[in-house]
Amino acid sequence: MNRFLIIFLLLLLPLGLWGCERSGDISRPENIAPWKDSDSKGIGSVSEEGQLMGFAESQEDAEALAELYGITLVEYQNGLALFHTDEDPKEVIRRGQENGWQELSLNRVQKLPEAP
């Protein structure tokens, strides 16, 4: 009886694996749109909408961070805050480092890797 069960399972194994076979190009699911670069300056440039970004625990913390740096909070979502400044963003970052303030970084436009 045990031998019959083992042989039966071994015969079913290829059928199970056949159902898992990968077919077609799955490089990008159809429901995900390709990445669009909205910055006319190109990949790797600083975003115009929010040149700086930093982490904040809440909307209020993001607003306080903007006030500390003298910049404008553009958007806060899921712990990430985007900021805008009329100054050179690198100078704003340097000023924060010199004063020991919470770190901000440049919000660069990135491009997703091309599908193989």
Protein backbone atom coordinates (compact mmCIF):
# COMPACT_ATOMS: atom_id res chain seq x y z
CA MET A 1 0.00 0.00 0.00
CA ASN A 2 2.78 2.44 0.90
CA ARG A 3 4.62 1.61 -2.32
CA PHE A 4 1.48 2.34 -4.36
CA LEU A 5 1.05 5.73 -2.64
CA ILE A 6 4.69 6.72 -3.27
CA ILE A 7 4.47 5.75 -6.95
CA PHE A 8 1.17 7.63 -7.31
CA LEU A 9 2.66 10.79 -5.74
CA LEU A 10 5.77 10.57 -7.93
CA LEU A 11 3.55 10.38 -11.01
CA LEU A 12 1.58 13.45 -9.89
CA LEU A 13 4.70 15.53 -9.19
CA PRO A 14 5.44 16.39 -12.86
CA LEU A 15 1.81 17.45 -13.35
CA GLY A 16 2.08 19.83 -10.40
CA LEU A 17 5.33 21.32 -11.66
CA TRP A 18 3.91 21.67 -15.18
CA GLY A 19 1.21 23.95 -13.78
CA CYS A 20 3.90 26.21 -12.30
CA GLU A 21 5.68 26.70 -15.61
CA ARG A 22 6.48 30.31 -16.45
CA SER A 23 5.25 31.41 -19.83
CA GLY A 24 5.45 34.68 -21.71
CA ASP A 25 7.19 37.92 -20.79
CA ILE A 26 6.60 38.78 -17.14
CA SER A 27 9.04 41.68 -16.97
CA ARG A 28 6.29 44.18 -16.11
CA PRO A 29 2.78 43.36 -14.92
CA GLU A 30 0.11 44.89 -17.15
CA ASN A 31 -1.50 46.81 -14.31
CA ILE A 32 1.69 48.80 -13.55
CA ALA A 33 2.34 51.78 -15.78
CA PRO A 34 5.87 52.44 -16.98
CA TRP A 35 7.87 55.05 -15.06
CA LYS A 36 7.45 58.57 -16.36
CA ASP A 37 10.17 61.12 -15.74
CA SER A 38 8.35 64.35 -14.92
CA ASP A 39 11.50 66.44 -14.57
CA SER A 40 12.60 68.09 -17.80
CA LYS A 41 16.18 68.33 -16.52
CA GLY A 42 16.51 64.56 -16.67
CA ILE A 43 17.32 61.57 -14.55
CA GLY A 44 19.35 62.25 -11.41
CA SER A 45 18.36 65.92 -11.23
CA VAL A 46 16.67 67.43 -8.21
CA SER A 47 12.87 67.40 -8.35
CA GLU A 48 11.34 70.86 -8.72
CA GLU A 49 8.17 69.98 -6.75
CA GLY A 50 10.03 69.05 -3.58
CA GLN A 51 13.78 69.52 -3.78
CA LEU A 52 14.44 68.24 -0.27
CA MET A 53 13.15 65.30 1.69
CA GLY A 54 13.38 64.07 5.25
CA PHE A 55 11.76 61.70 7.68
CA ALA A 56 9.16 62.86 10.18
CA GLU A 57 6.96 60.98 12.64
CA SER A 58 3.91 63.15 11.93
CA GLN A 59 2.57 66.06 9.88
CA GLU A 60 3.26 68.33 12.86
CA ASP A 61 6.89 67.16 13.06
CA ALA A 62 7.29 67.82 9.33
CA GLU A 63 5.88 71.33 9.76
CA ALA A 64 8.26 71.98 12.67
CA LEU A 65 11.19 70.76 10.57
CA ALA A 66 10.19 73.11 7.75
CA GLU A 67 10.00 76.02 10.19
CA LEU A 68 13.40 75.15 11.68
CA TYR A 69 15.04 75.17 8.25
CA GLY A 70 13.03 78.13 6.94
CA ILE A 71 11.64 76.10 4.03
CA THR A 72 8.16 75.14 2.83
CA LEU A 73 6.54 71.77 3.50
CA VAL A 74 5.13 70.56 0.18
CA GLU A 75 3.80 67.14 1.18
CA TYR A 76 3.85 64.70 4.07
CA GLN A 77 2.93 61.05 3.63
CA ASN A 78 3.83 57.84 5.45
CA GLY A 79 6.73 59.31 7.40
CA LEU A 80 8.34 61.09 4.46
CA ALA A 81 8.20 64.86 4.05
CA LEU A 82 8.96 66.79 0.86
CA PHE A 83 10.13 70.37 1.10
CA HIS A 84 10.63 73.31 -1.28
CA THR A 85 13.11 76.15 -0.96
CA ASP A 86 14.09 79.13 -3.07
CA GLU A 87 17.67 78.75 -1.80
CA ASP A 88 20.22 76.32 -3.14
CA PRO A 89 19.05 72.99 -1.62
CA LYS A 90 22.66 71.95 -0.96
CA GLU A 91 23.16 75.10 1.13
CA VAL A 92 20.06 74.26 3.17
CA ILE A 93 21.44 70.76 3.82
CA ARG A 94 24.85 72.20 4.77
CA ARG A 95 23.21 74.68 7.20
CA GLY A 96 21.38 71.83 8.88
CA GLN A 97 24.55 69.77 9.22
CA GLU A 98 26.44 72.71 10.72
CA ASN A 99 23.68 73.24 13.30
CA GLY A 100 23.20 69.55 14.10
CA TRP A 101 19.61 69.56 12.90
CA GLN A 102 17.74 66.54 11.63
CA GLU A 103 19.20 65.52 8.28
CA LEU A 104 17.56 66.40 4.98
CA SER A 105 18.59 65.08 1.59
CA LEU A 106 18.12 65.98 -2.05
CA ASN A 107 15.00 64.57 -3.67
CA ARG A 108 16.45 63.32 -6.95
CA VAL A 109 14.50 62.09 -9.96
CA GLN A 110 15.28 58.40 -10.45
CA LYS A 111 14.52 55.90 -13.16
CA LEU A 112 13.54 52.30 -12.58
CA PRO A 113 15.90 49.74 -14.11
CA GLU A 114 15.00 48.52 -17.58
CA ALA A 115 13.39 45.10 -17.80
CA PRO A 116 15.73 42.40 -19.15
